[in-house]
Amino acid sequence: MLGRIISANLKFILIAAKKAPKQVQSLIEQPHQQFLDTIFLDS
């Protein structure tokens, strides 16, 4: 359930990131990559 919510949010964020300038895109992607790494490493 939580995974679905997270993936829906990530899809929205990625769509927004594609429309954003490159600098903003990297700012958005980096924390989320760390967030995902943390989830998968902890589980």
PDB file of N, CA and C in Angstrom:
ATOM      1  N   MET A   1       0.838  -1.203   0.000  1.00  0.00           N
ATOM      2  CA  MET A   1       0.000   0.000   0.000  1.00  0.00           C
ATOM      3  C   MET A   1       0.877   1.259   0.000  1.00  0.00           C
ATOM      4  N   LEU A   2       1.811   1.286   0.961  1.00  0.00           N
ATOM      5  CA  LEU A   2       2.719   2.430   1.040  1.00  0.00           C
ATOM      6  C   LEU A   2       3.546   2.547  -0.233  1.00  0.00           C
ATOM      7  N   GLY A   3       3.980   1.396  -0.753  1.00  0.00           N
ATOM      8  CA  GLY A   3       4.761   1.388  -1.988  1.00  0.00           C
ATOM      9  C   GLY A   3       4.000   2.031  -3.138  1.00  0.00           C
ATOM     10  N   ARG A   4       2.694   1.765  -3.198  1.00  0.00           N
ATOM     11  CA  ARG A   4       1.877   2.352  -4.269  1.00  0.00           C
ATOM     12  C   ARG A   4       1.812   3.863  -4.145  1.00  0.00           C
ATOM     13  N   ILE A   5       1.648   4.338  -2.915  1.00  0.00           N
ATOM     14  CA  ILE A   5       1.587   5.785  -2.679  1.00  0.00           C
ATOM     15  C   ILE A   5       2.910   6.422  -3.076  1.00  0.00           C
ATOM     16  N   ILE A   6       4.009   5.795  -2.660  1.00  0.00           N
ATOM     17  CA  ILE A   6       5.330   6.332  -2.978  1.00  0.00           C
ATOM     18  C   ILE A   6       5.543   6.358  -4.487  1.00  0.00           C
ATOM     19  N   SER A   7       5.193   5.273  -5.174  1.00  0.00           N
ATOM     20  CA  SER A   7       5.440   5.223  -6.618  1.00  0.00           C
ATOM     21  C   SER A   7       4.571   6.245  -7.348  1.00  0.00           C
ATOM     22  N   ALA A   8       3.349   6.461  -6.880  1.00  0.00           N
ATOM     23  CA  ALA A   8       2.488   7.479  -7.484  1.00  0.00           C
ATOM     24  C   ALA A   8       3.113   8.863  -7.311  1.00  0.00           C
ATOM     25  N   ASN A   9       3.631   9.119  -6.104  1.00  0.00           N
ATOM     26  CA  ASN A   9       4.291  10.399  -5.853  1.00  0.00           C
ATOM     27  C   ASN A   9       5.532  10.550  -6.710  1.00  0.00           C
ATOM     28  N   LEU A  10       6.302   9.479  -6.853  1.00  0.00           N
ATOM     29  CA  LEU A  10       7.521   9.542  -7.658  1.00  0.00           C
ATOM     30  C   LEU A  10       7.190   9.816  -9.119  1.00  0.00           C
ATOM     31  N   LYS A  11       6.133   9.188  -9.635  1.00  0.00           N
ATOM     32  CA  LYS A  11       5.736   9.441 -11.023  1.00  0.00           C
ATOM     33  C   LYS A  11       5.401  10.913 -11.210  1.00  0.00           C
ATOM     34  N   PHE A  12       4.658  11.465 -10.265  1.00  0.00           N
ATOM     35  CA  PHE A  12       4.292  12.878 -10.330  1.00  0.00           C
ATOM     36  C   PHE A  12       5.538  13.755 -10.285  1.00  0.00           C
ATOM     37  N   ILE A  13       6.462  13.419  -9.376  1.00  0.00           N
ATOM     38  CA  ILE A  13       7.696  14.189  -9.229  1.00  0.00           C
ATOM     39  C   ILE A  13       8.539  14.102 -10.496  1.00  0.00           C
ATOM     40  N   LEU A  14       8.630  12.903 -11.072  1.00  0.00           N
ATOM     41  CA  LEU A  14       9.441  12.732 -12.278  1.00  0.00           C
ATOM     42  C   LEU A  14       8.849  13.504 -13.450  1.00  0.00           C
ATOM     43  N   ILE A  15       7.518  13.504 -13.564  1.00  0.00           N
ATOM     44  CA  ILE A  15       6.864  14.282 -14.624  1.00  0.00           C
ATOM     45  C   ILE A  15       7.171  15.768 -14.434  1.00  0.00           C
ATOM     46  N   ALA A  16       7.064  16.237 -13.196  1.00  0.00           N
ATOM     47  CA  ALA A  16       7.376  17.639 -12.904  1.00  0.00           C
ATOM     48  C   ALA A  16       8.844  17.931 -13.193  1.00  0.00           C
ATOM     49  N   ALA A  17       9.705  16.980 -12.856  1.00  0.00           N
ATOM     50  CA  ALA A  17      11.147  17.170 -13.056  1.00  0.00           C
ATOM     51  C   ALA A  17      11.489  17.293 -14.537  1.00  0.00           C
ATOM     52  N   LYS A  18      10.785  16.543 -15.373  1.00  0.00           N
ATOM     53  CA  LYS A  18      11.045  16.615 -16.812  1.00  0.00           C
ATOM     54  C   LYS A  18      10.740  18.002 -17.360  1.00  0.00           C
ATOM     55  N   LYS A  19       9.777  18.682 -16.745  1.00  0.00           N
ATOM     56  CA  LYS A  19       9.415  20.024 -17.189  1.00  0.00           C
ATOM     57  C   LYS A  19      10.312  21.089 -16.563  1.00  0.00           C
ATOM     58  N   ALA A  20      11.042  20.694 -15.514  1.00  0.00           N
ATOM     59  CA  ALA A  20      11.861  21.650 -14.776  1.00  0.00           C
ATOM     60  C   ALA A  20      13.238  21.800 -15.419  1.00  0.00           C
ATOM     61  N   PRO A  21      13.911  22.913 -15.140  1.00  0.00           N
ATOM     62  CA  PRO A  21      15.286  23.079 -15.611  1.00  0.00           C
ATOM     63  C   PRO A  21      16.203  22.012 -15.026  1.00  0.00           C
ATOM     64  N   LYS A  22      17.329  21.807 -15.671  1.00  0.00           N
ATOM     65  CA  LYS A  22      18.249  20.740 -15.272  1.00  0.00           C
ATOM     66  C   LYS A  22      18.710  20.875 -13.827  1.00  0.00           C
ATOM     67  N   GLN A  23      18.977  22.087 -13.365  1.00  0.00           N
ATOM     68  CA  GLN A  23      19.458  22.264 -11.991  1.00  0.00           C
ATOM     69  C   GLN A  23      18.408  21.791 -11.001  1.00  0.00           C
ATOM     70  N   VAL A  24      17.165  22.159 -11.243  1.00  0.00           N
ATOM     71  CA  VAL A  24      16.076  21.754 -10.361  1.00  0.00           C
ATOM     72  C   VAL A  24      15.914  20.243 -10.427  1.00  0.00           C
ATOM     73  N   GLN A  25      16.035  19.701 -11.631  1.00  0.00           N
ATOM     74  CA  GLN A  25      15.887  18.268 -11.824  1.00  0.00           C
ATOM     75  C   GLN A  25      16.883  17.505 -10.962  1.00  0.00           C
ATOM     76  N   SER A  26      18.146  17.936 -10.957  1.00  0.00           N
ATOM     77  CA  SER A  26      19.155  17.228 -10.172  1.00  0.00           C
ATOM     78  C   SER A  26      18.872  17.383  -8.682  1.00  0.00           C
ATOM     79  N   LEU A  27      18.367  18.540  -8.269  1.00  0.00           N
ATOM     80  CA  LEU A  27      18.025  18.741  -6.858  1.00  0.00           C
ATOM     81  C   LEU A  27      16.896  17.808  -6.436  1.00  0.00           C
ATOM     82  N   ILE A  28      15.948  17.577  -7.345  1.00  0.00           N
ATOM     83  CA  ILE A  28      14.822  16.696  -7.044  1.00  0.00           C
ATOM     84  C   ILE A  28      15.270  15.238  -7.044  1.00  0.00           C
ATOM     85  N   GLU A  29      16.082  14.868  -8.022  1.00  0.00           N
ATOM     86  CA  GLU A  29      16.445  13.462  -8.188  1.00  0.00           C
ATOM     87  C   GLU A  29      17.358  12.954  -7.085  1.00  0.00           C
ATOM     88  N   GLN A  30      18.341  13.755  -6.678  1.00  0.00           N
ATOM     89  CA  GLN A  30      19.324  13.273  -5.716  1.00  0.00           C
ATOM     90  C   GLN A  30      18.703  12.844  -4.387  1.00  0.00           C
ATOM     91  N   PRO A  31      17.900  13.688  -3.726  1.00  0.00           N
ATOM     92  CA  PRO A  31      17.300  13.256  -2.460  1.00  0.00           C
ATOM     93  C   PRO A  31      16.414  12.031  -2.642  1.00  0.00           C
ATOM     94  N   HIS A  32      15.697  11.952  -3.766  1.00  0.00           N
ATOM     95  CA  HIS A  32      14.820  10.805  -3.958  1.00  0.00           C
ATOM     96  C   HIS A  32      15.608   9.537  -4.188  1.00  0.00           C
ATOM     97  N   GLN A  33      16.752   9.643  -4.843  1.00  0.00           N
ATOM     98  CA  GLN A  33      17.581   8.461  -5.025  1.00  0.00           C
ATOM     99  C   GLN A  33      18.087   7.979  -3.672  1.00  0.00           C
ATOM    100  N   GLN A  34      18.496   8.899  -2.818  1.00  0.00           N
ATOM    101  CA  GLN A  34      18.945   8.532  -1.471  1.00  0.00           C
ATOM    102  C   GLN A  34      17.794   7.914  -0.693  1.00  0.00           C
ATOM    103  N   PHE A  35      16.605   8.503  -0.821  1.00  0.00           N
ATOM    104  CA  PHE A  35      15.404   8.015  -0.148  1.00  0.00           C
ATOM    105  C   PHE A  35      15.106   6.579  -0.571  1.00  0.00           C
ATOM    106  N   LEU A  36      15.146   6.326  -1.874  1.00  0.00           N
ATOM    107  CA  LEU A  36      14.882   4.979  -2.382  1.00  0.00           C
ATOM    108  C   LEU A  36      15.954   4.001  -1.934  1.00  0.00           C
ATOM    109  N   ASP A  37      17.221   4.425  -1.990  1.00  0.00           N
ATOM    110  CA  ASP A  37      18.317   3.559  -1.546  1.00  0.00           C
ATOM    111  C   ASP A  37      18.105   3.173  -0.090  1.00  0.00           C
ATOM    112  N   THR A  38      17.708   4.134   0.735  1.00  0.00           N
ATOM    113  CA  THR A  38      17.488   3.884   2.157  1.00  0.00           C
ATOM    114  C   THR A  38      16.375   2.865   2.353  1.00  0.00           C
ATOM    115  N   ILE A  39      15.268   3.023   1.631  1.00  0.00           N
ATOM    116  CA  ILE A  39      14.140   2.094   1.758  1.00  0.00           C
ATOM    117  C   ILE A  39      14.559   0.684   1.367  1.00  0.00           C
ATOM    118  N   PHE A  40      15.228   0.556   0.223  1.00  0.00           N
ATOM    119  CA  PHE A  40      15.554  -0.781  -0.273  1.00  0.00           C
ATOM    120  C   PHE A  40      16.644  -1.430   0.555  1.00  0.00           C
ATOM    121  N   LEU A  41      17.582  -0.640   1.075  1.00  0.00           N
ATOM    122  CA  LEU A  41      18.642  -1.210   1.908  1.00  0.00           C
ATOM    123  C   LEU A  41      18.084  -1.637   3.263  1.00  0.00           C
ATOM    124  N   ASP A  42      17.114  -0.887   3.778  1.00  0.00           N
ATOM    125  CA  ASP A  42      16.552  -1.206   5.092  1.00  0.00           C
ATOM    126  C   ASP A  42      15.615  -2.402   5.046  1.00  0.00           C
ATOM    127  N   SER A  43      14.942  -2.605   3.916  1.00  0.00           N
ATOM    128  CA  SER A  43      13.940  -3.667   3.859  1.00  0.00           C
ATOM    129  C   SER A  43      14.563  -5.041   3.666  1.00  0.00           C
TER     130      SER A  43
END
